[in-house]
Amino acid sequence: MAAKFEVYQDKKGEYRFRLKAGNGEVIASSEGYSSKQACLQGIESVKKNAADAKVEELSGD
């Protein structure tokens, strides 16, 4: 099973998305958006930008 994005409304009425791995585990979740369209644009941004994103390790010091 492939990963999938789920779009939903939270208790405050904001739209959010979560990215689930093929095994059903949530691997990312979004901020709240005021509209469904803005939420869908957030998903497209993740799809477009995540593939080339750098990984930075932050020190706890």
C-alpha atoms as a PDB file:
ATOM      1  CA  MET A   1       0.000   0.000   0.000  1.00  0.00           C
ATOM      2  CA  ALA A   2       1.334   3.424  -0.943  1.00  0.00           C
ATOM      3  CA  ALA A   3       1.526   6.485   1.267  1.00  0.00           C
ATOM      4  CA  LYS A   4      -1.485   8.810   1.207  1.00  0.00           C
ATOM      5  CA  PHE A   5      -2.565  12.268   2.294  1.00  0.00           C
ATOM      6  CA  GLU A   6      -5.757  12.584   4.345  1.00  0.00           C
ATOM      7  CA  VAL A   7      -7.610  15.925   4.514  1.00  0.00           C
ATOM      8  CA  TYR A   8      -9.948  16.575   7.435  1.00  0.00           C
ATOM      9  CA  GLN A   9     -11.498  19.322   9.556  1.00  0.00           C
ATOM     10  CA  ASP A  10     -10.463  19.628  13.182  1.00  0.00           C
ATOM     11  CA  LYS A  11     -12.709  20.562  16.129  1.00  0.00           C
ATOM     12  CA  LYS A  12     -12.112  24.278  15.458  1.00  0.00           C
ATOM     13  CA  GLY A  13     -13.262  23.900  11.843  1.00  0.00           C
ATOM     14  CA  GLU A  14      -9.788  24.311  10.364  1.00  0.00           C
ATOM     15  CA  TYR A  15      -8.636  22.069   7.537  1.00  0.00           C
ATOM     16  CA  ARG A  16      -5.583  19.911   8.119  1.00  0.00           C
ATOM     17  CA  PHE A  17      -3.783  17.116   6.356  1.00  0.00           C
ATOM     18  CA  ARG A  18      -1.772  14.189   7.548  1.00  0.00           C
ATOM     19  CA  LEU A  19       0.560  11.993   5.540  1.00  0.00           C
ATOM     20  CA  LYS A  20       0.250   8.306   6.283  1.00  0.00           C
ATOM     21  CA  ALA A  21       2.792   5.640   5.365  1.00  0.00           C
ATOM     22  CA  GLY A  22       1.697   2.481   3.605  1.00  0.00           C
ATOM     23  CA  ASN A  23       1.348   0.741   6.981  1.00  0.00           C
ATOM     24  CA  GLY A  24      -1.102   3.413   8.213  1.00  0.00           C
ATOM     25  CA  GLU A  25       1.352   5.207  10.509  1.00  0.00           C
ATOM     26  CA  VAL A  26       1.094   9.023  10.511  1.00  0.00           C
ATOM     27  CA  ILE A  27       4.469  10.353   9.395  1.00  0.00           C
ATOM     28  CA  ALA A  28       3.613  14.054   9.003  1.00  0.00           C
ATOM     29  CA  SER A  29       0.810  16.417   9.933  1.00  0.00           C
ATOM     30  CA  SER A  30       0.032  19.976   8.953  1.00  0.00           C
ATOM     31  CA  GLU A  31      -0.882  23.250  10.525  1.00  0.00           C
ATOM     32  CA  GLY A  32      -4.519  24.357  10.423  1.00  0.00           C
ATOM     33  CA  TYR A  33      -5.770  26.070   7.258  1.00  0.00           C
ATOM     34  CA  SER A  34      -8.816  28.328   7.009  1.00  0.00           C
ATOM     35  CA  SER A  35      -9.998  26.761   3.732  1.00  0.00           C
ATOM     36  CA  LYS A  36      -9.895  23.374   2.062  1.00  0.00           C
ATOM     37  CA  GLN A  37      -8.252  24.957  -1.006  1.00  0.00           C
ATOM     38  CA  ALA A  38      -5.399  26.327   1.122  1.00  0.00           C
ATOM     39  CA  CYS A  39      -4.966  22.882   2.681  1.00  0.00           C
ATOM     40  CA  LEU A  40      -4.763  21.249  -0.741  1.00  0.00           C
ATOM     41  CA  GLN A  41      -2.178  23.854  -1.768  1.00  0.00           C
ATOM     42  CA  GLY A  42      -0.179  22.910   1.336  1.00  0.00           C
ATOM     43  CA  ILE A  43      -0.182  19.283   0.183  1.00  0.00           C
ATOM     44  CA  GLU A  44       1.035  20.315  -3.262  1.00  0.00           C
ATOM     45  CA  SER A  45       3.816  22.362  -1.664  1.00  0.00           C
ATOM     46  CA  VAL A  46       4.982  19.350   0.352  1.00  0.00           C
ATOM     47  CA  LYS A  47       4.915  17.157  -2.754  1.00  0.00           C
ATOM     48  CA  LYS A  48       6.909  19.712  -4.733  1.00  0.00           C
ATOM     49  CA  ASN A  49       9.485  20.696  -2.121  1.00  0.00           C
ATOM     50  CA  ALA A  50      10.061  17.645   0.075  1.00  0.00           C
ATOM     51  CA  ALA A  51      11.961  15.596  -2.506  1.00  0.00           C
ATOM     52  CA  ASP A  52      14.823  18.124  -2.582  1.00  0.00           C
ATOM     53  CA  ALA A  53      14.727  19.168   1.067  1.00  0.00           C
ATOM     54  CA  LYS A  54      17.980  19.088   3.003  1.00  0.00           C
ATOM     55  CA  VAL A  55      18.273  17.163   6.249  1.00  0.00           C
ATOM     56  CA  GLU A  56      19.807  19.214   9.047  1.00  0.00           C
ATOM     57  CA  GLU A  57      20.828  17.719  12.360  1.00  0.00           C
ATOM     58  CA  LEU A  58      20.393  20.115  15.244  1.00  0.00           C
ATOM     59  CA  SER A  59      22.500  19.855  18.349  1.00  0.00           C
ATOM     60  CA  GLY A  60      20.803  19.748  21.717  1.00  0.00           C
ATOM     61  CA  ASP A  61      23.661  21.740  23.266  1.00  0.00           C
END
